[in-house]
Protein backbone atom coordinates (compact mmCIF):
# COMPACT_ATOMS: atom_id res chain seq x y z
CA MET A 1 -25.81 -25.72 -11.75
CA THR A 2 -27.79 -27.81 -14.70
CA LEU A 3 -29.03 -31.54 -14.05
CA PRO A 4 -30.47 -33.45 -16.28
CA GLY A 5 -34.31 -33.49 -16.57
CA PRO A 6 -37.56 -34.77 -18.62
CA ALA A 7 -38.14 -31.78 -20.64
CA GLY A 8 -34.24 -30.66 -21.09
CA ARG A 9 -31.65 -29.32 -18.84
CA ILE A 10 -32.88 -28.04 -15.29
CA GLU A 11 -31.55 -24.94 -13.93
CA GLY A 12 -30.72 -24.62 -10.24
CA ILE A 13 -28.64 -23.74 -7.56
CA LEU A 14 -27.16 -25.82 -4.48
CA ASN A 15 -26.10 -23.66 -1.15
CA LEU A 16 -23.62 -26.27 0.74
CA GLY A 17 -24.96 -27.11 4.55
CA SER A 18 -22.58 -28.72 7.04
CA PRO A 19 -20.84 -32.23 6.07
CA ASP A 20 -22.35 -33.80 9.13
CA ALA A 21 -25.61 -32.05 8.36
CA SER A 22 -28.33 -34.85 9.19
CA TYR A 23 -31.10 -34.48 6.19
CA ALA A 24 -30.84 -32.66 2.84
CA ALA A 25 -33.59 -29.75 1.86
CA LEU A 26 -34.98 -29.84 -1.60
CA VAL A 27 -37.23 -25.96 -2.54
CA CYS A 28 -39.90 -25.93 -4.85
CA HIS A 29 -40.25 -22.27 -6.66
CA PRO A 30 -43.98 -20.54 -6.76
CA HIS A 31 -46.05 -19.96 -10.43
CA PRO A 32 -43.09 -19.44 -13.12
CA VAL A 33 -45.97 -17.50 -15.78
CA TYR A 34 -46.50 -15.00 -12.86
CA GLY A 35 -42.80 -14.60 -12.55
CA GLY A 36 -41.73 -16.69 -9.97
CA ASN A 37 -38.38 -18.75 -9.81
CA LEU A 38 -35.45 -20.11 -7.94
CA HIS A 39 -34.51 -16.91 -6.58
CA ASN A 40 -38.07 -15.77 -5.26
CA LYS A 41 -37.78 -14.49 -1.80
CA VAL A 42 -39.69 -16.62 -0.05
CA VAL A 43 -37.79 -19.85 -1.70
CA TYR A 44 -34.69 -17.86 -0.55
CA ARG A 45 -35.67 -17.15 2.48
CA ALA A 46 -36.59 -20.74 3.08
CA MET A 47 -33.41 -22.16 1.93
CA LYS A 48 -31.88 -19.90 4.46
CA ALA A 49 -34.40 -21.13 7.21
CA PHE A 50 -32.78 -24.99 6.08
CA ASN A 51 -29.31 -23.60 5.56
CA ASP A 52 -28.40 -20.84 7.77
CA PRO A 53 -26.43 -21.97 10.95
CA GLU A 54 -28.60 -19.32 12.64
CA PHE A 55 -31.70 -21.49 12.38
CA GLY A 56 -29.93 -24.30 14.23
CA LEU A 57 -29.94 -26.54 11.07
CA GLY A 58 -27.18 -25.82 8.71
CA TRP A 59 -28.21 -27.97 5.87
CA PRO A 60 -27.63 -28.36 2.16
CA VAL A 61 -30.68 -27.13 -0.15
CA LEU A 62 -31.17 -27.30 -3.88
CA ARG A 63 -33.14 -24.80 -5.75
CA PHE A 64 -33.87 -25.37 -9.24
CA ASN A 65 -36.01 -23.49 -11.94
CA PHE A 66 -39.23 -25.27 -13.04
CA ARG A 67 -39.53 -26.20 -17.06
CA GLY A 68 -39.59 -23.01 -18.95
CA ALA A 69 -38.12 -20.82 -15.88
CA GLY A 70 -35.09 -19.03 -15.92
CA LEU A 71 -32.23 -20.66 -17.89
CA SER A 72 -34.06 -23.97 -17.62
CA GLU A 73 -35.69 -25.62 -21.02
CA GLY A 74 -38.40 -27.18 -21.79
CA THR A 75 -41.83 -25.49 -21.87
CA HIS A 76 -44.38 -24.53 -18.89
CA ASP A 77 -47.41 -27.20 -17.88
CA GLY A 78 -48.51 -27.08 -15.64
CA GLN A 79 -48.75 -30.34 -13.92
CA ALA A 80 -45.85 -31.94 -15.83
CA GLU A 81 -43.55 -30.23 -13.24
CA VAL A 82 -43.77 -32.70 -10.82
CA GLY A 83 -41.25 -34.79 -12.84
CA ASP A 84 -38.60 -31.88 -12.12
CA VAL A 85 -39.48 -31.69 -8.17
CA LEU A 86 -38.71 -35.96 -8.47
CA THR A 87 -35.53 -35.10 -10.75
CA ALA A 88 -34.64 -33.40 -8.43
CA LEU A 89 -34.81 -35.50 -5.23
CA ASP A 90 -32.93 -37.73 -7.38
CA TRP A 91 -30.13 -35.65 -7.82
CA LEU A 92 -29.91 -34.48 -3.52
CA GLU A 93 -30.39 -38.18 -2.82
CA ARG A 94 -27.32 -39.38 -4.97
CA GLU A 95 -25.07 -36.25 -4.18
CA PHE A 96 -26.00 -36.65 -0.26
CA ARG A 97 -26.85 -39.60 0.04
CA ARG A 98 -29.32 -38.87 3.32
CA PRO A 99 -32.95 -37.94 4.19
CA VAL A 100 -34.61 -34.98 2.26
CA ILE A 101 -36.87 -32.49 3.44
CA LEU A 102 -39.29 -31.40 0.94
CA ALA A 103 -40.53 -27.76 0.74
CA GLY A 104 -42.57 -25.68 -2.01
CA PHE A 105 -44.26 -22.41 -1.71
CA SER A 106 -47.31 -22.12 -3.85
CA PHE A 107 -47.26 -23.46 -6.66
CA GLY A 108 -43.82 -25.11 -6.08
CA ALA A 109 -45.90 -26.71 -2.83
CA VAL A 110 -48.77 -28.01 -5.11
CA MET A 111 -45.88 -29.85 -7.36
CA ALA A 112 -44.18 -31.16 -3.90
CA LEU A 113 -47.31 -32.99 -2.33
CA HIS A 114 -48.03 -34.08 -5.80
CA ALA A 115 -44.74 -35.44 -5.81
CA CYS A 116 -45.15 -36.51 -2.31
CA CYS A 117 -47.91 -38.33 -3.33
CA ARG A 118 -46.63 -40.32 -6.23
CA LEU A 119 -43.50 -41.38 -3.52
CA ASN A 120 -46.33 -42.60 -1.47
CA ALA A 121 -47.11 -45.53 -4.21
CA PRO A 122 -47.51 -49.16 -2.47
CA LYS A 123 -44.79 -50.98 -2.28
CA GLY A 124 -43.71 -52.84 -5.21
CA SER A 125 -44.49 -50.20 -7.85
CA GLY A 126 -41.12 -48.66 -8.16
CA LYS A 127 -42.07 -45.31 -7.17
CA ASN A 128 -41.54 -45.15 -3.68
CA SER A 129 -38.04 -44.99 -3.73
CA HIS A 130 -36.98 -41.79 -2.38
CA ASN A 131 -36.00 -41.24 1.45
CA VAL A 132 -38.57 -38.03 1.80
CA ARG A 133 -39.45 -37.58 5.41
CA ALA A 134 -40.99 -34.31 5.79
CA LEU A 135 -43.27 -31.82 3.54
CA VAL A 136 -43.13 -28.33 4.27
CA ALA A 137 -45.84 -26.51 2.48
CA LEU A 138 -45.68 -22.36 2.15
CA GLY A 139 -48.75 -20.35 1.45
CA LEU A 140 -50.40 -23.27 -0.34
CA PRO A 141 -53.16 -22.06 -2.76
CA THR A 142 -56.66 -22.81 -2.62
CA GLN A 143 -58.89 -20.63 -5.12
CA ILE A 144 -57.66 -21.67 -8.15
CA GLU A 145 -59.54 -23.97 -10.53
CA SER A 146 -58.03 -26.82 -11.65
CA PRO A 147 -57.02 -30.16 -11.32
CA ALA A 148 -53.87 -30.11 -10.11
CA TYR A 149 -55.14 -28.25 -7.69
CA ARG A 150 -57.72 -30.61 -6.09
CA TYR A 151 -56.14 -32.51 -3.09
CA SER A 152 -58.55 -35.47 -2.22
CA PHE A 153 -55.17 -37.31 -2.08
CA LEU A 154 -53.55 -35.62 0.81
CA GLN A 155 -54.99 -38.36 2.55
CA ASN A 156 -52.23 -41.18 1.11
CA ILE A 157 -49.33 -39.07 2.30
CA THR A 158 -48.35 -40.24 6.03
CA ILE A 159 -45.11 -38.47 6.68
CA PRO A 160 -45.20 -35.36 8.43
CA LYS A 161 -46.16 -32.28 6.95
CA LEU A 162 -46.49 -28.99 7.79
CA PHE A 163 -49.09 -26.24 6.71
CA LEU A 164 -47.32 -22.93 6.86
CA SER A 165 -49.45 -19.39 5.36
CA GLY A 166 -50.63 -16.59 6.24
CA ASP A 167 -54.03 -15.15 7.56
CA ARG A 168 -54.44 -12.89 5.07
CA ASP A 169 -53.55 -15.11 2.14
CA GLU A 170 -54.90 -14.10 -1.14
CA PHE A 171 -54.77 -17.84 -3.07
CA ALA A 172 -56.32 -19.70 0.07
CA ARG A 173 -59.43 -18.25 2.80
CA THR A 174 -58.73 -19.60 5.68
CA GLU A 175 -61.60 -21.69 5.93
CA GLN A 176 -60.73 -23.35 2.81
CA LEU A 177 -57.29 -23.79 3.69
CA LYS A 178 -58.12 -25.63 7.49
CA LYS A 179 -60.71 -27.82 4.98
CA VAL A 180 -57.39 -29.29 3.36
CA PHE A 181 -55.60 -29.28 5.76
CA ALA A 182 -58.62 -31.57 7.34
CA SER A 183 -58.41 -34.01 4.81
CA ALA A 184 -54.67 -34.49 5.16
CA ALA A 185 -53.44 -37.79 6.77
CA GLU A 186 -51.74 -37.12 9.98
CA PRO A 187 -49.08 -36.10 11.32
CA LYS A 188 -49.53 -32.83 10.22
CA GLN A 189 -49.95 -29.11 12.16
CA LEU A 190 -50.93 -26.03 10.43
CA ILE A 191 -49.99 -22.20 11.06
CA LEU A 192 -51.46 -19.13 10.88
CA LEU A 193 -49.20 -16.51 10.70
CA PRO A 194 -51.12 -13.44 11.89
CA GLY A 195 -51.64 -10.84 9.15
CA ALA A 196 -49.54 -12.61 6.57
CA ASP A 197 -50.58 -12.22 2.97
CA HIS A 198 -49.16 -15.16 -0.23
CA PHE A 199 -46.44 -13.77 0.15
CA PHE A 200 -45.88 -13.39 3.63
CA SER A 201 -45.04 -9.61 3.65
CA GLY A 202 -43.11 -8.03 6.43
CA GLN A 203 -43.38 -12.08 7.89
CA LEU A 204 -40.77 -13.67 6.66
CA GLU A 205 -38.36 -13.70 9.87
CA PRO A 206 -41.73 -15.21 11.11
CA MET A 207 -42.25 -17.72 8.62
CA GLN A 208 -38.37 -18.67 8.68
CA ARG A 209 -38.77 -19.08 12.82
CA ALA A 210 -42.07 -21.44 12.18
CA ILE A 211 -40.04 -23.53 9.59
CA ALA A 212 -36.80 -24.26 11.63
CA SER A 213 -38.67 -25.13 15.02
CA TRP A 214 -41.68 -27.61 13.23
CA VAL A 215 -38.21 -29.53 11.12
CA LYS A 216 -36.22 -29.74 15.07
CA GLU A 217 -39.07 -30.49 16.73
CA LYS A 218 -40.54 -33.83 14.00
CA LEU A 219 -37.07 -34.43 13.33
CA GLN A 220 -34.47 -33.57 15.62
């Protein structure tokens, strides 16, 4: 499937869920310059946590390729991809008419956070129309020097937030991630999976269980 995006067509895959699902979910992929796309294993397994009845949710889930990745048109920018997230949210909400859970892995988590910051704009600004109820940030990077990777705005995002990473993440030392987490507004939770690296190698199923358990606790 394709969506009309701000930089051209956006390639996506929709996994349908239960007809009576209470929520829908959007999952954003890691950095496209380093091979990230909607087929990334962490993104796929996160999708399954929301979509597969085995985990107790059964929601419809949209994955998409950022501009310049896969068959999506446009060129990688590093910050303008926030617009791709907002476009995908628009489509998902129009299609299913239900609240959305926004998730992202690595670069996708960064873009999801920035999208939520825009959605948390003051009433009357015209930027807070989306019905995003919670955010899941998987493998959030903290060691990259770029304006997009500075997280002072987290104090303004007041929806429930799950920060889920491995305690051996190469791109986010535990002490750095804890500082980022401390700067975020409540409600929030930080889960560090023992022995897991940035890609949750060997820990994908625990990652899925953590996502599903948190979502059910916060939203059902």
